[in-house]
């Protein structure tokens, strides 16, 4: 079964939840645009209750582009709804075209370096190049799956953030998801999740204090016992929320908003060197995959955002004075204001 399995399909089932991510993007955009622009700047008729709608999404490090596909399908009747995915791997871009996006012309995938593709502050028309042609400035740029952790050097991180700022429209948001907490520095954390036809195994191999880097791997165990071992591996530099906020402001963003969801699960995780094939825990990793067929529950009194895209529960806007949880996921959101409203 492992030999016949499609690792990208397994990854999408085990790790990604584009429906919830899209709801989160929409709701946070609603909250922040209302706050910074006021309801007088809203677009659309009265039925949207003052919402300034985001129409153009750019997904950096898009992989198979499931977020792009869900973005246009979630509001199929919305005028001008478009998505652009950028990834440097031509094989995964082609996979996304063949198996995820298909013939939907509202989604355009571009093979290229996220540091180069798209508009810059010097572009008058807000478009850039790539193998798919021009990309307009976006209302939202999403750099998910902890992709900013690929930038081991801070100068490269700031360069990416500055480039993203230039790729946004007059009002735009850059979403970067991050994880952290006490568990992030703990060696040999592992989780096993039974998804029925296969088990998803997440392992954190160790943390290097000198470089703030961590090694992670994802494996899949099929029902017949065969394994796809370490078929996705990562070495991330973990930036703190404070690090990323400061880098965004240095890059030129006007404000930064953080939306966080925490979990204390010291009693649930499996530590040490046990044989991961024998694990049968139902613990979710930091990107769990329970599909959500329910309604859009509110996150808190301020926002109508949906539930988190994993088992962490609801995201809420972070306030000062928060202590360190065992584990957290967060959106760090860089806010670009129109020039006439900047202060």
Foldseek 3Di string as FASTA:
>chain_A
DVVPDDVVVVCCQFFFFLVQVLLQVFFVQQLVCCVQVNLVPADDDCVVVSGNGWAEEEEELCQLVQNQLCQCVVCVPDPNRAYEYEHQDPVRQVNSCVPPNDPPPRYYYFHDDLLAAWFALPDPQGWGQGPRGTDHQGQEYEHEPQNLQVPLDLVVSLSSLLRNLRSHDLKHKYKGKAKDFQQLQAAWWKDWADPPQKIKIKTWHHADPVRQKTKIFIKIAGPVGDIDGRPDIDIGRHDDLVSNQVSNVVSPFQHKWKWKFADAPPVQIDGDDPDRSPDDDNDGPPRGRDHDPDDQPQQDPSISRRWDRHDRTGIDIDDPPDDGHRMMMMIIMGIRHRPVSGD
